[in-house]
PDB file of N, CA and C in Angstrom:
ATOM      1  N   UNK A   1      92.936  72.646 140.877  1.00  0.00           N
ATOM      2  CA  UNK A   1      91.541  72.921 140.610  1.00  0.00           C
ATOM      3  C   UNK A   1      91.019  74.024 141.527  1.00  0.00           C
ATOM      4  N   UNK A   2      91.433  73.975 142.790  1.00  0.00           N
ATOM      5  CA  UNK A   2      90.913  74.989 143.706  1.00  0.00           C
ATOM      6  C   UNK A   2      91.452  76.380 143.359  1.00  0.00           C
ATOM      7  N   UNK A   3      92.652  76.450 142.774  1.00  0.00           N
ATOM      8  CA  UNK A   3      93.181  77.753 142.370  1.00  0.00           C
ATOM      9  C   UNK A   3      92.431  78.302 141.162  1.00  0.00           C
ATOM     10  N   UNK A   4      91.998  77.389 140.295  1.00  0.00           N
ATOM     11  CA  UNK A   4      91.200  77.817 139.157  1.00  0.00           C
ATOM     12  C   UNK A   4      89.878  78.408 139.627  1.00  0.00           C
ATOM     13  N   UNK A   5      89.234  77.753 140.567  1.00  0.00           N
ATOM     14  CA  UNK A   5      87.960  78.243 141.092  1.00  0.00           C
ATOM     15  C   UNK A   5      88.156  79.589 141.791  1.00  0.00           C
ATOM     16  N   UNK A   6      89.241  79.716 142.548  1.00  0.00           N
ATOM     17  CA  UNK A   6      89.509  80.987 143.213  1.00  0.00           C
ATOM     18  C   UNK A   6      89.779  82.090 142.201  1.00  0.00           C
ATOM     19  N   UNK A   7      90.518  81.776 141.134  1.00  0.00           N
ATOM     20  CA  UNK A   7      90.806  82.797 140.131  1.00  0.00           C
ATOM     21  C   UNK A   7      89.529  83.236 139.413  1.00  0.00           C
ATOM     22  N   UNK A   8      88.631  82.292 139.131  1.00  0.00           N
ATOM     23  CA  UNK A   8      87.359  82.646 138.498  1.00  0.00           C
ATOM     24  C   UNK A   8      86.530  83.500 139.444  1.00  0.00           C
ATOM     25  N   UNK A   9      86.514  83.153 140.705  1.00  0.00           N
ATOM     26  CA  UNK A   9      85.744  83.915 141.685  1.00  0.00           C
ATOM     27  C   UNK A   9      86.255  85.348 141.794  1.00  0.00           C
ATOM     28  N   UNK A  10      87.566  85.515 141.905  1.00  0.00           N
ATOM     29  CA  UNK A  10      88.115  86.855 142.063  1.00  0.00           C
ATOM     30  C   UNK A  10      88.017  87.662 140.777  1.00  0.00           C
ATOM     31  N   UNK A  11      88.127  87.014 139.634  1.00  0.00           N
ATOM     32  CA  UNK A  11      88.032  87.761 138.376  1.00  0.00           C
ATOM     33  C   UNK A  11      86.609  88.253 138.138  1.00  0.00           C
ATOM     34  N   UNK A  12      85.604  87.454 138.504  1.00  0.00           N
ATOM     35  CA  UNK A  12      84.227  87.909 138.305  1.00  0.00           C
ATOM     36  C   UNK A  12      83.864  89.006 139.282  1.00  0.00           C
ATOM     37  N   UNK A  13      84.379  88.969 140.482  1.00  0.00           N
ATOM     38  CA  UNK A  13      84.057  90.037 141.416  1.00  0.00           C
ATOM     39  C   UNK A  13      84.777  91.325 141.038  1.00  0.00           C
ATOM     40  N   UNK A  14      85.929  91.214 140.395  1.00  0.00           N
ATOM     41  CA  UNK A  14      86.657  92.408 139.975  1.00  0.00           C
ATOM     42  C   UNK A  14      85.994  93.061 138.774  1.00  0.00           C
ATOM     43  N   UNK A  15      85.278  92.285 137.973  1.00  0.00           N
ATOM     44  CA  UNK A  15      84.631  92.819 136.784  1.00  0.00           C
ATOM     45  C   UNK A  15      83.151  93.131 137.011  1.00  0.00           C
ATOM     46  N   UNK A  16      82.740  93.252 138.250  1.00  0.00           N
ATOM     47  CA  UNK A  16      81.340  93.501 138.563  1.00  0.00           C
ATOM     48  C   UNK A  16      80.891  94.836 137.980  1.00  0.00           C
ATOM     49  N   UNK A  17      79.674  94.840 137.466  1.00  0.00           N
ATOM     50  CA  UNK A  17      79.125  96.032 136.832  1.00  0.00           C
ATOM     51  C   UNK A  17      78.500  96.922 137.897  1.00  0.00           C
ATOM     52  N   UNK A  18      78.617  98.222 137.700  1.00  0.00           N
ATOM     53  CA  UNK A  18      78.006  99.177 138.607  1.00  0.00           C
ATOM     54  C   UNK A  18      76.488  99.126 138.423  1.00  0.00           C
ATOM     55  N   UNK A  19      75.753  98.808 139.483  1.00  0.00           N
ATOM     56  CA  UNK A  19      74.309  98.644 139.398  1.00  0.00           C
ATOM     57  C   UNK A  19      73.544  99.882 139.841  1.00  0.00           C
ATOM     58  N   UNK A  20      74.200 101.025 139.934  1.00  0.00           N
ATOM     59  CA  UNK A  20      73.492 102.217 140.389  1.00  0.00           C
ATOM     60  C   UNK A  20      72.387 102.619 139.417  1.00  0.00           C
ATOM     61  N   UNK A  21      72.592 102.399 138.111  1.00  0.00           N
ATOM     62  CA  UNK A  21      71.549 102.734 137.141  1.00  0.00           C
ATOM     63  C   UNK A  21      70.327 101.825 137.313  1.00  0.00           C
ATOM     64  N   UNK A  22      70.556 100.578 137.710  1.00  0.00           N
ATOM     65  CA  UNK A  22      69.445  99.653 137.928  1.00  0.00           C
ATOM     66  C   UNK A  22      68.588 100.131 139.097  1.00  0.00           C
ATOM     67  N   UNK A  23      69.227 100.481 140.193  1.00  0.00           N
ATOM     68  CA  UNK A  23      68.484 100.933 141.368  1.00  0.00           C
ATOM     69  C   UNK A  23      67.794 102.266 141.107  1.00  0.00           C
ATOM     70  N   UNK A  24      68.456 103.166 140.376  1.00  0.00           N
ATOM     71  CA  UNK A  24      67.872 104.461 140.071  1.00  0.00           C
ATOM     72  C   UNK A  24      66.616 104.303 139.206  1.00  0.00           C
ATOM     73  N   UNK A  25      66.693 103.458 138.181  1.00  0.00           N
ATOM     74  CA  UNK A  25      65.545 103.258 137.295  1.00  0.00           C
ATOM     75  C   UNK A  25      64.423 102.493 137.990  1.00  0.00           C
ATOM     76  N   UNK A  26      64.792 101.568 138.836  1.00  0.00           N
ATOM     77  CA  UNK A  26      63.774 100.820 139.584  1.00  0.00           C
ATOM     78  C   UNK A  26      62.985 101.758 140.487  1.00  0.00           C
ATOM     79  N   UNK A  27      63.674 102.666 141.167  1.00  0.00           N
ATOM     80  CA  UNK A  27      62.996 103.622 142.036  1.00  0.00           C
ATOM     81  C   UNK A  27      62.210 104.653 141.227  1.00  0.00           C
ATOM     82  N   UNK A  28      62.732 105.038 140.061  1.00  0.00           N
ATOM     83  CA  UNK A  28      62.077 106.033 139.214  1.00  0.00           C
ATOM     84  C   UNK A  28      60.723 105.544 138.711  1.00  0.00           C
ATOM     85  N   UNK A  29      60.640 104.250 138.378  1.00  0.00           N
ATOM     86  CA  UNK A  29      59.402 103.689 137.828  1.00  0.00           C
ATOM     87  C   UNK A  29      58.538 103.015 138.886  1.00  0.00           C
ATOM     88  N   UNK A  30      58.881 103.127 140.139  1.00  0.00           N
ATOM     89  CA  UNK A  30      58.038 102.613 141.219  1.00  0.00           C
ATOM     90  C   UNK A  30      57.902 101.104 141.227  1.00  0.00           C
ATOM     91  N   UNK A  31      58.998 100.411 141.076  1.00  0.00           N
ATOM     92  CA  UNK A  31      58.976  98.942 141.091  1.00  0.00           C
ATOM     93  C   UNK A  31      58.617  98.455 142.480  1.00  0.00           C
ATOM     94  N   UNK A  32      57.594  97.606 142.579  1.00  0.00           N
ATOM     95  CA  UNK A  32      57.125  97.107 143.876  1.00  0.00           C
ATOM     96  C   UNK A  32      57.578  95.671 144.114  1.00  0.00           C
ATOM     97  N   UNK A  33      57.423  94.823 143.131  1.00  0.00           N
ATOM     98  CA  UNK A  33      57.802  93.426 143.301  1.00  0.00           C
ATOM     99  C   UNK A  33      57.631  92.657 142.006  1.00  0.00           C
ATOM    100  N   UNK A  34      57.756  91.353 142.121  1.00  0.00           N
ATOM    101  CA  UNK A  34      57.694  90.512 140.928  1.00  0.00           C
ATOM    102  C   UNK A  34      56.307  90.436 140.313  1.00  0.00           C
ATOM    103  N   UNK A  35      55.271  90.747 141.074  1.00  0.00           N
ATOM    104  CA  UNK A  35      53.915  90.648 140.545  1.00  0.00           C
ATOM    105  C   UNK A  35      53.578  91.796 139.593  1.00  0.00           C
ATOM    106  N   UNK A  36      54.305  92.888 139.649  1.00  0.00           N
ATOM    107  CA  UNK A  36      54.020  94.029 138.789  1.00  0.00           C
ATOM    108  C   UNK A  36      54.874  93.933 137.531  1.00  0.00           C
ATOM    109  N   UNK A  37      54.295  93.346 136.481  1.00  0.00           N
ATOM    110  CA  UNK A  37      55.068  93.079 135.269  1.00  0.00           C
ATOM    111  C   UNK A  37      54.983  94.183 134.234  1.00  0.00           C
ATOM    112  N   UNK A  38      54.105  95.160 134.384  1.00  0.00           N
ATOM    113  CA  UNK A  38      53.950  96.187 133.350  1.00  0.00           C
ATOM    114  C   UNK A  38      55.106  97.186 133.338  1.00  0.00           C
ATOM    115  N   UNK A  39      55.896  97.253 134.401  1.00  0.00           N
ATOM    116  CA  UNK A  39      56.984  98.227 134.442  1.00  0.00           C
ATOM    117  C   UNK A  39      58.331  97.639 134.009  1.00  0.00           C
ATOM    118  N   UNK A  40      58.392  96.352 133.699  1.00  0.00           N
ATOM    119  CA  UNK A  40      59.668  95.730 133.333  1.00  0.00           C
ATOM    120  C   UNK A  40      60.289  96.371 132.103  1.00  0.00           C
ATOM    121  N   UNK A  41      59.487  96.591 131.058  1.00  0.00           N
ATOM    122  CA  UNK A  41      60.045  97.156 129.831  1.00  0.00           C
ATOM    123  C   UNK A  41      60.472  98.608 130.038  1.00  0.00           C
ATOM    124  N   UNK A  42      59.725  99.357 130.855  1.00  0.00           N
ATOM    125  CA  UNK A  42      60.116 100.735 131.145  1.00  0.00           C
ATOM    126  C   UNK A  42      61.427 100.778 131.924  1.00  0.00           C
ATOM    127  N   UNK A  43      61.571  99.897 132.874  1.00  0.00           N
ATOM    128  CA  UNK A  43      62.800  99.833 133.674  1.00  0.00           C
ATOM    129  C   UNK A  43      63.976  99.431 132.793  1.00  0.00           C
ATOM    130  N   UNK A  44      63.768  98.439 131.926  1.00  0.00           N
ATOM    131  CA  UNK A  44      64.849  97.978 131.045  1.00  0.00           C
ATOM    132  C   UNK A  44      65.287  99.079 130.082  1.00  0.00           C
ATOM    133  N   UNK A  45      64.331  99.833 129.538  1.00  0.00           N
ATOM    134  CA  UNK A  45      64.678 100.928 128.631  1.00  0.00           C
ATOM    135  C   UNK A  45      65.440 102.020 129.379  1.00  0.00           C
ATOM    136  N   UNK A  46      65.039 102.309 130.597  1.00  0.00           N
ATOM    137  CA  UNK A  46      65.721 103.321 131.406  1.00  0.00           C
ATOM    138  C   UNK A  46      67.158 102.896 131.709  1.00  0.00           C
ATOM    139  N   UNK A  47      67.339 101.636 132.064  1.00  0.00           N
ATOM    140  CA  UNK A  47      68.682 101.113 132.359  1.00  0.00           C
ATOM    141  C   UNK A  47      69.559 101.193 131.114  1.00  0.00           C
ATOM    142  N   UNK A  48      69.000 100.821 129.968  1.00  0.00           N
ATOM    143  CA  UNK A  48      69.758 100.854 128.723  1.00  0.00           C
ATOM    144  C   UNK A  48      70.184 102.280 128.374  1.00  0.00           C
ATOM    145  N   UNK A  49      69.290 103.247 128.538  1.00  0.00           N
ATOM    146  CA  UNK A  49      69.628 104.651 128.263  1.00  0.00           C
ATOM    147  C   UNK A  49      70.720 105.147 129.201  1.00  0.00           C
ATOM    148  N   UNK A  50      70.625 104.789 130.482  1.00  0.00           N
ATOM    149  CA  UNK A  50      71.618 105.256 131.455  1.00  0.00           C
ATOM    150  C   UNK A  50      72.997 104.664 131.161  1.00  0.00           C
ATOM    151  N   UNK A  51      73.056 103.383 130.848  1.00  0.00           N
ATOM    152  CA  UNK A  51      74.349 102.749 130.566  1.00  0.00           C
ATOM    153  C   UNK A  51      74.941 103.248 129.252  1.00  0.00           C
ATOM    154  N   UNK A  52      74.087 103.492 128.249  1.00  0.00           N
ATOM    155  CA  UNK A  52      74.589 104.023 126.983  1.00  0.00           C
ATOM    156  C   UNK A  52      75.125 105.439 127.148  1.00  0.00           C
ATOM    157  N   UNK A  53      74.513 106.222 128.022  1.00  0.00           N
ATOM    158  CA  UNK A  53      75.019 107.577 128.273  1.00  0.00           C
ATOM    159  C   UNK A  53      76.418 107.525 128.876  1.00  0.00           C
ATOM    160  N   UNK A  54      76.645 106.592 129.792  1.00  0.00           N
ATOM    161  CA  UNK A  54      77.976 106.440 130.403  1.00  0.00           C
ATOM    162  C   UNK A  54      78.991 106.005 129.349  1.00  0.00           C
ATOM    163  N   UNK A  55      78.616 105.073 128.479  1.00  0.00           N
ATOM    164  CA  UNK A  55      79.520 104.619 127.424  1.00  0.00           C
ATOM    165  C   UNK A  55      79.843 105.745 126.444  1.00  0.00           C
ATOM    166  N   UNK A  56      78.839 106.567 126.087  1.00  0.00           N
ATOM    167  CA  UNK A  56      79.088 107.685 125.181  1.00  0.00           C
ATOM    168  C   UNK A  56      80.058 108.676 125.791  1.00  0.00           C
ATOM    169  N   UNK A  57      79.914 108.970 127.077  1.00  0.00           N
ATOM    170  CA  UNK A  57      80.834 109.888 127.746  1.00  0.00           C
ATOM    171  C   UNK A  57      82.262 109.348 127.726  1.00  0.00           C
ATOM    172  N   UNK A  58      82.413 108.054 127.967  1.00  0.00           N
ATOM    173  CA  UNK A  58      83.745 107.440 127.965  1.00  0.00           C
ATOM    174  C   UNK A  58      84.362 107.472 126.568  1.00  0.00           C
ATOM    175  N   UNK A  59      83.554 107.173 125.538  1.00  0.00           N
ATOM    176  CA  UNK A  59      84.064 107.210 124.175  1.00  0.00           C
ATOM    177  C   UNK A  59      84.446 108.630 123.766  1.00  0.00           C
ATOM    178  N   UNK A  60      83.641 109.609 124.165  1.00  0.00           N
ATOM    179  CA  UNK A  60      83.983 111.000 123.853  1.00  0.00           C
ATOM    180  C   UNK A  60      85.285 111.410 124.532  1.00  0.00           C
ATOM    181  N   UNK A  61      85.468 110.980 125.761  1.00  0.00           N
ATOM    182  CA  UNK A  61      86.705 111.303 126.480  1.00  0.00           C
ATOM    183  C   UNK A  61      87.908 110.689 125.775  1.00  0.00           C
ATOM    184  N   UNK A  62      87.784 109.432 125.336  1.00  0.00           N
ATOM    185  CA  UNK A  62      88.888 108.775 124.637  1.00  0.00           C
ATOM    186  C   UNK A  62      89.178 109.441 123.288  1.00  0.00           C
ATOM    187  N   UNK A  63      88.142 109.814 122.531  1.00  0.00           N
ATOM    188  CA  UNK A  63      88.362 110.468 121.242  1.00  0.00           C
ATOM    189  C   UNK A  63      89.025 111.823 121.419  1.00  0.00           C
ATOM    190  N   UNK A  64      88.619 112.570 122.440  1.00  0.00           N
ATOM    191  CA  UNK A  64      89.254 113.864 122.683  1.00  0.00           C
ATOM    192  C   UNK A  64      90.725 113.689 123.041  1.00  0.00           C
ATOM    193  N   UNK A  65      91.039 112.650 123.810  1.00  0.00           N
ATOM    194  CA  UNK A  65      92.431 112.366 124.149  1.00  0.00           C
ATOM    195  C   UNK A  65      93.230 112.031 122.891  1.00  0.00           C
ATOM    196  N   UNK A  66      92.655 111.205 122.010  1.00  0.00           N
ATOM    197  CA  UNK A  66      93.360 110.822 120.791  1.00  0.00           C
ATOM    198  C   UNK A  66      93.511 111.989 119.814  1.00  0.00           C
ATOM    199  N   UNK A  67      92.574 112.928 119.834  1.00  0.00           N
ATOM    200  CA  UNK A  67      92.728 114.116 118.989  1.00  0.00           C
ATOM    201  C   UNK A  67      93.892 114.967 119.465  1.00  0.00           C
ATOM    202  N   UNK A  68      94.068 115.058 120.775  1.00  0.00           N
ATOM    203  CA  UNK A  68      95.165 115.852 121.329  1.00  0.00           C
ATOM    204  C   UNK A  68      96.499 115.122 121.224  1.00  0.00           C
ATOM    205  N   UNK A  69      96.485 113.786 121.254  1.00  0.00           N
ATOM    206  CA  UNK A  69      97.700 112.970 121.237  1.00  0.00           C
ATOM    207  C   UNK A  69      97.591 111.901 120.147  1.00  0.00           C
ATOM    208  N   UNK A  70      97.701 112.262 118.884  1.00  0.00           N
ATOM    209  CA  UNK A  70      97.485 111.273 117.819  1.00  0.00           C
ATOM    210  C   UNK A  70      98.542 110.168 117.777  1.00  0.00           C
ATOM    211  N   UNK A  71      99.692 110.385 118.393  1.00  0.00           N
ATOM    212  CA  UNK A  71     100.723 109.354 118.351  1.00  0.00           C
ATOM    213  C   UNK A  71     100.349 108.136 119.188  1.00  0.00           C
ATOM    214  N   UNK A  72      99.310 108.228 120.032  1.00  0.00           N
ATOM    215  CA  UNK A  72      98.874 107.067 120.803  1.00  0.00           C
ATOM    216  C   UNK A  72      98.011 106.111 119.988  1.00  0.00           C
ATOM    217  N   UNK A  73      97.650 106.475 118.777  1.00  0.00           N
ATOM    218  CA  UNK A  73      96.821 105.593 117.957  1.00  0.00           C
ATOM    219  C   UNK A  73      97.573 104.358 117.478  1.00  0.00           C
ATOM    220  N   UNK A  74      98.885 104.469 117.373  1.00  0.00           N
ATOM    221  CA  UNK A  74      99.677 103.380 116.816  1.00  0.00           C
ATOM    222  C   UNK A  74     100.578 102.802 117.896  1.00  0.00           C
ATOM    223  N   UNK A  75     100.644 101.490 117.946  1.00  0.00           N
ATOM    224  CA  UNK A  75     101.468 100.847 118.966  1.00  0.00           C
ATOM    225  C   UNK A  75     102.939 101.072 118.686  1.00  0.00           C
ATOM    226  N   UNK A  76     103.704 101.288 119.742  1.00  0.00           N
ATOM    227  CA  UNK A  76     105.140 101.454 119.630  1.00  0.00           C
ATOM    228  C   UNK A  76     105.598 102.852 119.291  1.00  0.00           C
ATOM    229  N   UNK A  77     104.678 103.782 119.081  1.00  0.00           N
ATOM    230  CA  UNK A  77     105.058 105.141 118.710  1.00  0.00           C
ATOM    231  C   UNK A  77     105.173 106.027 119.946  1.00  0.00           C
ATOM    232  N   UNK A  78     104.259 105.853 120.912  1.00  0.00           N
ATOM    233  CA  UNK A  78     104.281 106.686 122.106  1.00  0.00           C
ATOM    234  C   UNK A  78     105.310 106.158 123.097  1.00  0.00           C
ATOM    235  N   UNK A  79     106.101 107.046 123.651  1.00  0.00           N
ATOM    236  CA  UNK A  79     107.125 106.689 124.621  1.00  0.00           C
ATOM    237  C   UNK A  79     106.834 107.384 125.950  1.00  0.00           C
ATOM    238  N   UNK A  80     107.483 106.953 127.042  1.00  0.00           N
ATOM    239  CA  UNK A  80     107.249 107.612 128.329  1.00  0.00           C
ATOM    240  C   UNK A  80     107.657 109.081 128.309  1.00  0.00           C
ATOM    241  N   UNK A  81     107.126 109.843 129.213  1.00  0.00           N
ATOM    242  CA  UNK A  81     107.426 111.267 129.405  1.00  0.00           C
ATOM    243  C   UNK A  81     107.030 112.102 128.194  1.00  0.00           C
ATOM    244  N   UNK A  82     106.038 111.651 127.434  1.00  0.00           N
ATOM    245  CA  UNK A  82     105.529 112.437 126.324  1.00  0.00           C
ATOM    246  C   UNK A  82     106.409 112.471 125.091  1.00  0.00           C
ATOM    247  N   UNK A  83     107.484 111.702 125.072  1.00  0.00           N
ATOM    248  CA  UNK A  83     108.354 111.694 123.897  1.00  0.00           C
ATOM    249  C   UNK A  83     107.725 110.864 122.789  1.00  0.00           C
ATOM    250  N   UNK A  84     108.105 111.159 121.574  1.00  0.00           N
ATOM    251  CA  UNK A  84     107.600 110.410 120.435  1.00  0.00           C
ATOM    252  C   UNK A  84     108.754 109.707 119.740  1.00  0.00           C
ATOM    253  N   UNK A  85     108.528 108.445 119.426  1.00  0.00           N
ATOM    254  CA  UNK A  85     109.544 107.662 118.726  1.00  0.00           C
ATOM    255  C   UNK A  85     109.594 108.120 117.268  1.00  0.00           C
ATOM    256  N   UNK A  86     110.772 108.338 116.721  1.00  0.00           N
ATOM    257  CA  UNK A  86     110.839 108.736 115.308  1.00  0.00           C
ATOM    258  C   UNK A  86     110.305 107.619 114.417  1.00  0.00           C
ATOM    259  N   UNK A  87     109.568 108.007 113.408  1.00  0.00           N
ATOM    260  CA  UNK A  87     108.976 107.023 112.519  1.00  0.00           C
ATOM    261  C   UNK A  87     110.009 106.507 111.532  1.00  0.00           C
ATOM    262  N   UNK A  88     109.783 105.301 111.065  1.00  0.00           N
ATOM    263  CA  UNK A  88     110.632 104.697 110.051  1.00  0.00           C
ATOM    264  C   UNK A  88     110.533 105.519 108.770  1.00  0.00           C
ATOM    265  N   UNK A  89     111.587 105.569 107.986  1.00  0.00           N
ATOM    266  CA  UNK A  89     111.590 106.399 106.788  1.00  0.00           C
ATOM    267  C   UNK A  89     110.576 105.928 105.743  1.00  0.00           C
ATOM    268  N   UNK A  90     110.080 104.704 105.881  1.00  0.00           N
ATOM    269  CA  UNK A  90     109.078 104.194 104.954  1.00  0.00           C
ATOM    270  C   UNK A  90     107.651 104.367 105.481  1.00  0.00           C
ATOM    271  N   UNK A  91     107.483 105.033 106.592  1.00  0.00           N
ATOM    272  CA  UNK A  91     106.164 105.182 107.204  1.00  0.00           C
ATOM    273  C   UNK A  91     105.208 105.895 106.235  1.00  0.00           C
ATOM    274  N   UNK A  92     104.084 105.243 105.944  1.00  0.00           N
ATOM    275  CA  UNK A  92     103.073 105.837 105.083  1.00  0.00           C
ATOM    276  C   UNK A  92     103.333 105.720 103.610  1.00  0.00           C
ATOM    277  N   UNK A  93     104.422 105.092 103.215  1.00  0.00           N
ATOM    278  CA  UNK A  93     104.735 104.944 101.790  1.00  0.00           C
ATOM    279  C   UNK A  93     104.514 103.506 101.374  1.00  0.00           C
ATOM    280  N   UNK A  94     104.176 103.322 100.123  1.00  0.00           N
ATOM    281  CA  UNK A  94     103.973 101.966  99.601  1.00  0.00           C
ATOM    282  C   UNK A  94     105.308 101.325  99.312  1.00  0.00           C
ATOM    283  N   UNK A  95     105.452 100.092  99.731  1.00  0.00           N
ATOM    284  CA  UNK A  95     106.665  99.331  99.384  1.00  0.00           C
ATOM    285  C   UNK A  95     106.321  98.480  98.167  1.00  0.00           C
ATOM    286  N   UNK A  96     107.184  98.502  97.195  1.00  0.00           N
ATOM    287  CA  UNK A  96     106.928  97.750  95.969  1.00  0.00           C
ATOM    288  C   UNK A  96     107.989  96.670  95.796  1.00  0.00           C
ATOM    289  N   UNK A  97     107.554  95.459  95.660  1.00  0.00           N
ATOM    290  CA  UNK A  97     108.408  94.311  95.387  1.00  0.00           C
ATOM    291  C   UNK A  97     109.517  94.143  96.422  1.00  0.00           C
ATOM    292  N   UNK A  98     109.256  94.473  97.648  1.00  0.00           N
ATOM    293  CA  UNK A  98     110.232  94.250  98.711  1.00  0.00           C
ATOM    294  C   UNK A  98     111.394  95.206  98.707  1.00  0.00           C
ATOM    295  N   UNK A  99     111.378  96.200  97.862  1.00  0.00           N
ATOM    296  CA  UNK A  99     112.465  97.163  97.838  1.00  0.00           C
ATOM    297  C   UNK A  99     112.213  98.238  98.885  1.00  0.00           C
ATOM    298  N   UNK A 100     113.304  98.879  99.306  1.00  0.00           N
ATOM    299  CA  UNK A 100     113.127  99.938 100.277  1.00  0.00           C
ATOM    300  C   UNK A 100     112.533 101.156  99.593  1.00  0.00           C
ATOM    301  N   UNK A 101     111.850 101.951 100.339  1.00  0.00           N
ATOM    302  CA  UNK A 101     111.165 103.108  99.739  1.00  0.00           C
ATOM    303  C   UNK A 101     112.116 104.198  99.567  1.00  0.00           C
TER     304      UNK A 101
END
């Protein structure tokens, strides 16, 4: 049981989210304390925009990589050192009634 608790503790700390956007937006909108409730929605919208911008950049980077290296789209095709595994002779063809293409 104690190993389970330790594994949960270490896994959650390893997956911690970067809170720099939270602090940046909080300072940008002049957050003073819990009594000032009118800035909550502005802060939340700012945080959402900042995190979405980071996600868009990451997705663009991944798409550009896949455009340059299309063989990484399919599992088992990409090999170490940039080599490509030869495709099966039936790759992309319809198989009919279990016969070979």
